[in-house]
Protein backbone atom coordinates (compact mmCIF):
# COMPACT_ATOMS: atom_id res chain seq x y z
CA MET A 1 -93.99 63.46 12.99
CA HIS A 2 -90.30 62.72 12.79
CA PRO A 3 -87.87 63.34 15.66
CA THR A 4 -85.27 65.96 15.06
CA PRO A 5 -81.86 64.30 14.96
CA SER A 6 -79.31 65.71 17.37
CA SER A 7 -76.25 67.43 16.04
CA VAL A 8 -72.88 65.75 16.13
CA GLY A 9 -71.58 68.09 18.81
CA ARG A 10 -74.48 67.57 21.26
CA HIS A 11 -76.19 64.76 23.13
CA TRP A 12 -79.83 63.80 22.42
CA VAL A 13 -80.95 65.98 25.33
CA GLY A 14 -79.18 68.99 23.84
CA SER A 15 -76.21 69.14 26.23
CA PRO A 16 -72.85 69.77 24.59
CA ARG A 17 -70.73 66.72 23.82
CA ILE A 18 -67.24 67.08 25.22
CA SER A 19 -64.64 64.94 23.54
CA ARG A 20 -61.31 64.40 25.21
CA HIS A 21 -58.46 63.30 23.01
CA PRO A 22 -55.82 61.19 24.75
CA ARG A 23 -52.42 62.80 24.85
CA SER A 24 -49.26 60.77 24.56
CA LEU A 25 -46.64 61.35 27.24
CA ARG A 26 -43.25 62.47 26.01
CA VAL A 27 -39.87 63.11 27.52
CA ALA A 28 -38.33 66.53 26.90
CA ALA A 29 -34.87 66.49 25.36
CA THR A 30 -33.63 68.93 28.03
CA SER A 31 -35.01 66.94 30.96
CA PRO A 32 -32.32 65.72 33.37
CA SER A 33 -34.36 62.53 33.87
CA ARG A 34 -35.82 60.12 31.30
CA LEU A 35 -38.84 59.53 33.52
CA LEU A 36 -42.34 60.12 32.25
CA ARG A 37 -44.62 62.21 34.43
CA ALA A 38 -46.66 59.05 35.09
CA GLY A 39 -43.54 57.45 36.50
CA HIS A 40 -43.17 60.19 39.11
CA SER A 41 -46.42 59.23 40.88
CA SER A 42 -46.65 56.29 43.22
CA ARG A 43 -48.58 55.00 46.23
CA CYS A 44 -47.21 54.53 49.71
CA ARG A 45 -47.29 50.85 50.61
CA ARG A 46 -47.99 51.68 54.27
CA CYS A 47 -50.80 54.24 54.06
CA GLY A 48 -51.96 54.17 50.43
CA HIS A 49 -51.53 57.92 49.96
CA ARG A 50 -50.27 59.24 46.62
CA THR A 51 -46.67 60.42 46.51
CA ASP A 52 -44.49 62.13 43.92
CA VAL A 53 -41.11 60.46 43.42
CA TYR A 54 -38.23 62.66 42.25
CA PRO A 55 -34.48 62.13 42.01
CA ARG A 56 -32.32 64.00 44.49
CA THR A 57 -29.00 65.66 43.77
CA ASP A 58 -27.26 62.32 44.47
CA GLN A 59 -29.67 60.56 42.01
CA ARG A 60 -31.39 58.69 44.83
CA PRO A 61 -35.23 58.80 44.72
CA ILE A 62 -37.31 60.53 47.36
CA ALA A 63 -41.09 60.40 47.84
CA LEU A 64 -42.57 63.87 48.38
CA HIS A 65 -46.03 64.87 49.56
CA PRO A 66 -48.02 65.84 46.45
CA ALA A 67 -49.26 69.18 47.84
CA GLU A 68 -47.21 72.26 48.61
CA LEU A 69 -47.25 73.65 52.15
CA ALA A 70 -46.52 77.09 53.49
CA THR A 71 -42.95 77.42 54.73
CA THR A 72 -44.22 78.97 57.97
CA HIS A 73 -45.82 75.60 58.85
CA VAL A 74 -42.78 73.46 57.98
CA PRO A 75 -39.49 73.32 59.93
CA ALA A 76 -36.44 74.37 57.96
CA SER A 77 -34.95 70.84 58.12
CA CYS A 78 -37.97 69.38 56.27
CA ARG A 79 -38.28 71.88 53.41
CA TRP A 80 -37.64 70.69 49.87
CA HIS A 81 -38.04 72.36 46.49
CA LEU A 82 -37.96 71.22 42.88
CA SER A 83 -35.73 72.61 40.17
CA SER A 84 -35.65 71.09 36.66
CA GLY A 85 -37.16 67.88 37.99
CA ILE A 86 -34.55 67.48 40.78
CA ALA A 87 -35.45 67.62 44.47
CA HIS A 88 -33.22 69.82 46.64
CA PRO A 89 -33.18 69.47 50.45
CA HIS A 90 -33.83 73.13 51.34
CA GLY A 91 -36.17 75.96 50.54
CA ASP A 92 -35.87 78.14 47.44
CA GLY A 93 -36.79 81.38 49.19
CA SER A 94 -40.49 81.25 48.24
CA ALA A 95 -43.46 81.07 50.58
CA TRP A 96 -44.18 77.43 49.61
CA CYS A 97 -42.21 74.20 49.84
CA ARG A 98 -42.53 70.44 49.53
CA ILE A 99 -42.03 67.93 52.33
CA PRO A 100 -41.06 64.24 52.33
CA HIS A 101 -43.99 61.88 52.61
CA ALA A 102 -42.37 60.17 55.59
CA VAL A 103 -42.92 63.37 57.61
CA VAL A 104 -46.73 63.04 57.46
CA CYS A 105 -47.15 59.29 56.85
CA PRO A 106 -49.15 57.87 59.80
CA ALA A 107 -47.24 54.58 59.58
CA CYS A 108 -43.80 56.21 59.88
CA THR A 109 -42.00 57.83 62.77
CA PRO A 110 -41.75 61.62 62.22
CA THR A 111 -38.32 62.59 60.98
CA CYS A 112 -38.53 66.28 61.93
CA PRO A 113 -40.08 68.39 64.71
CA ALA A 114 -43.87 68.21 64.46
CA SER A 115 -45.99 71.34 64.05
CA PRO A 116 -49.76 71.69 64.49
CA HIS A 117 -50.26 71.95 60.73
CA LEU A 118 -48.19 68.83 60.00
CA GLU A 119 -50.04 66.91 62.71
CA ALA A 120 -53.34 67.92 61.08
CA VAL A 121 -52.11 66.60 57.71
CA ARG A 122 -51.00 63.38 59.36
CA ARG A 123 -54.43 62.88 60.98
CA HIS A 124 -56.16 63.57 57.65
CA ILE A 125 -54.06 60.90 55.93
CA ALA A 126 -54.66 58.45 58.78
CA VAL A 127 -58.45 58.89 58.46
CA ARG A 128 -58.24 58.43 54.69
CA THR A 129 -56.15 55.28 55.13
CA ARG A 130 -58.72 53.83 57.52
CA ARG A 131 -61.50 54.50 55.03
CA LEU A 132 -59.57 52.80 52.22
CA ILE A 133 -58.97 49.77 54.44
CA ASP A 134 -62.63 49.59 55.49
CA ILE A 135 -63.93 49.54 51.89
CA GLY A 136 -61.27 47.06 50.80
CA ALA A 137 -59.52 49.45 48.42
CA PHE A 138 -56.16 49.27 50.20
CA THR A 139 -54.23 46.62 52.11
CA PRO A 140 -51.22 47.92 54.02
CA ALA A 141 -47.92 46.14 53.62
CA PRO A 142 -47.14 43.66 56.42
CA PRO A 143 -44.67 44.88 59.05
CA PRO A 144 -41.06 43.80 58.54
CA ALA A 145 -39.99 40.59 60.21
CA ALA A 146 -37.79 40.57 63.28
CA GLY A 147 -34.81 39.71 61.14
CA PRO A 148 -34.16 38.83 57.51
CA PRO A 149 -33.50 35.17 56.80
CA PRO A 150 -29.83 34.39 56.46
CA ARG A 151 -28.72 34.33 52.84
CA ALA A 152 -26.18 31.95 51.44
CA ALA A 153 -22.68 33.19 50.87
CA ALA A 154 -23.15 32.60 47.14
CA ASP A 155 -26.08 35.04 46.92
CA PRO A 156 -25.24 38.53 48.26
CA ALA A 157 -28.26 40.59 49.22
CA ARG A 158 -26.74 43.78 47.74
CA PRO A 159 -23.58 43.10 45.75
CA VAL A 160 -21.06 45.68 44.62
CA VAL A 161 -21.08 46.10 40.83
CA GLN A 162 -18.42 47.88 38.78
CA ILE A 163 -19.74 49.57 35.63
CA LEU A 164 -17.55 51.79 33.45
CA LEU A 165 -14.88 51.83 36.20
CA ILE A 166 -17.42 53.14 38.73
CA ARG A 167 -18.60 50.98 41.60
CA TYR A 168 -22.23 50.88 42.61
CA LEU A 169 -24.21 49.17 45.35
CA ALA A 170 -26.94 47.11 43.71
CA PRO A 171 -30.53 47.41 45.01
CA GLY A 172 -30.79 43.63 45.46
CA PRO A 173 -29.48 40.32 44.17
CA LEU A 174 -28.19 40.35 40.61
CA ASP A 175 -31.01 38.19 39.27
CA ALA A 176 -33.63 40.47 40.90
CA ILE A 177 -32.56 43.80 39.34
CA ARG A 178 -35.56 44.75 37.22
CA CYS A 179 -35.69 46.75 34.00
CA VAL A 180 -37.05 50.31 34.38
CA ALA A 181 -38.33 50.76 30.80
CA GLN A 182 -41.97 51.18 29.80
CA THR A 183 -43.76 48.46 27.84
CA ARG A 184 -46.37 48.90 25.13
CA HIS A 185 -49.11 48.51 27.72
CA ARG A 186 -47.59 51.40 29.73
CA HIS A 187 -46.39 49.14 32.50
CA ARG A 188 -42.91 48.64 33.86
CA CYS A 189 -40.97 45.92 32.09
CA PRO A 190 -40.94 42.72 34.19
CA ARG A 191 -37.69 41.37 32.68
CA PRO A 192 -34.46 41.36 34.70
CA VAL A 193 -31.31 43.13 33.61
CA LEU A 194 -29.29 39.93 33.92
CA THR A 195 -30.72 37.44 31.43
CA PRO A 196 -29.38 33.99 30.55
CA GLY A 197 -28.58 34.94 26.97
CA SER A 198 -26.74 38.20 27.72
CA PRO A 199 -23.02 38.51 28.53
CA ALA A 200 -22.36 38.18 32.23
CA GLY A 201 -19.79 39.82 34.46
CA ARG A 202 -17.26 38.08 36.61
CA TRP A 203 -16.56 38.14 40.31
CA THR A 204 -13.21 39.41 41.44
CA LEU A 205 -11.55 40.71 44.60
CA LEU A 206 -10.53 44.36 44.36
CA PRO A 207 -9.35 46.91 46.92
CA PRO A 208 -12.02 49.43 47.94
CA SER A 209 -11.93 52.63 45.96
CA PRO A 210 -10.65 55.65 47.94
CA CYS A 211 -13.15 58.34 48.95
CA ARG A 212 -12.72 62.07 48.71
CA GLY A 213 -10.98 63.37 51.78
CA ARG A 214 -10.90 59.91 53.38
CA LEU A 215 -8.59 56.95 53.30
CA ALA A 216 -9.74 53.61 51.94
CA LEU A 217 -10.22 50.64 54.20
CA PRO A 218 -6.75 49.18 54.83
CA ASP A 219 -5.87 45.61 53.86
CA THR A 220 -9.40 44.80 52.70
CA LEU A 221 -10.43 43.23 49.41
CA VAL A 222 -14.03 43.62 48.29
CA ALA A 223 -15.91 41.07 46.19
CA VAL A 224 -16.97 43.05 43.10
CA TYR A 225 -19.12 41.92 40.18
CA ASP A 226 -16.96 43.44 37.46
CA LEU A 227 -18.43 44.31 34.06
CA GLY A 228 -15.30 46.00 32.74
CA HIS A 229 -14.54 43.24 30.21
CA LEU A 230 -17.95 43.64 28.52
CA PRO A 231 -18.49 45.93 25.51
CA TYR A 232 -19.16 49.59 26.11
CA THR A 233 -22.78 49.32 24.94
CA GLU A 234 -23.40 46.43 27.32
CA GLN A 235 -22.08 48.43 30.25
CA LEU A 236 -24.31 51.35 29.26
CA ARG A 237 -27.27 48.97 29.34
CA TRP A 238 -26.43 47.96 32.89
CA SER A 239 -25.93 51.59 33.91
CA ALA A 240 -29.35 52.50 32.50
CA GLN A 241 -30.83 49.40 34.22
CA ARG A 242 -32.46 48.01 31.10
CA CYS A 243 -33.04 44.51 29.80
CA PRO A 244 -31.59 43.48 26.40
CA ALA A 245 -34.98 44.01 24.71
CA HIS A 246 -35.08 47.68 25.78
CA ALA A 247 -31.35 48.37 25.53
CA ALA A 248 -31.52 50.32 22.25
CA SER A 249 -35.23 51.19 22.24
CA GLY A 250 -36.57 54.69 22.70
CA ALA A 251 -39.03 53.63 25.40
CA PRO A 252 -38.96 56.02 28.37
CA ASP A 253 -38.33 54.98 31.95
CA LEU A 254 -41.16 54.33 34.39
CA ALA A 255 -38.90 54.20 37.45
CA LEU A 256 -35.61 55.60 38.61
CA SER A 257 -32.53 53.44 38.43
CA ASP A 258 -31.68 51.95 41.81
CA TRP A 259 -27.89 52.16 41.60
CA GLN A 260 -26.13 53.84 44.52
CA THR A 261 -22.54 55.00 44.31
CA PHE A 262 -20.56 52.63 46.47
CA HIS A 263 -19.00 54.19 49.56
CA PRO A 264 -16.63 51.79 51.38
CA ARG A 265 -17.35 53.27 54.81
CA ARG A 266 -21.01 54.13 54.43
CA HIS A 267 -21.78 50.72 52.91
CA ALA A 268 -19.38 48.71 55.07
CA ALA A 269 -22.20 46.34 56.10
CA HIS A 270 -22.54 45.15 52.47
CA ILE A 271 -18.86 44.44 51.89
CA ARG A 272 -18.05 40.80 51.16
CA THR A 273 -14.47 39.58 51.28
CA ARG A 274 -15.08 36.25 49.52
CA ILE A 275 -16.09 35.60 45.93
CA PRO A 276 -19.71 34.37 45.99
CA HIS A 277 -19.31 32.08 42.99
CA PRO A 278 -15.84 30.51 42.87
CA PRO A 279 -14.41 30.27 39.35
CA ALA A 280 -14.59 26.94 37.60
CA LEU A 281 -11.46 24.81 37.67
CA GLN A 282 -9.51 24.85 34.43
CA PRO A 283 -8.43 21.45 33.04
CA GLU A 284 -4.79 20.66 33.48
CA ARG A 285 -2.62 20.82 30.38
CA GLY A 286 -0.43 18.02 29.28
């Protein structure tokens, strides 16, 4: 007696064999963002809950709660909706909306009037966070210190950078700005944007750029890391926040760029009036 061999499409017990083919993620040509869908998902460092990160109308990222909620349960000031991959801070007239994760995060102070439904969501996330901590699957981020350590004058925490005649507030020190491209292993590139072998900018003192409808700060010079003397392609690389290895590659982004348009009054705390790195002395002629 010989056993009957199973067919290719079934297991040995006769159950159907389901084969799942991996699909490669692509970026649509009409998408306003170069982010992959995998790059939109993240985890809150305080509660461990999944969040969806989308760019706002001002290109700044915002973490939204992954589930939609009925607009009747959400105050008008906390309603958000998505359009073409962009998050807008108001409702779109439908019966459903999205809310920022900070509204229901148990580790954050509520940013809008609480409702019974939002409090129930917050308690559900708090219970889930406690379970993740108990089984060792999540470790919350430590609370911020009483005050950041004083930084040297030669290392600004968030310098002002001028790219293509537009000034931005950097997310951190120049040597800590990280590339946002995806590697072959589908991880974010660990290389910095400023590498030793790439052309560097130069520090200079410039007057603050005027704002729309407002006057610039009078008699104030701002220390700016100017990239205007670099080639156009090099400035595009900085604007896209990519390292030299991913400057001309077609690799998609796994994170949003962290540049913020510099506002002299809104970002007055980050203004430096002295050049961090004084220029080297030129040898005397003759």
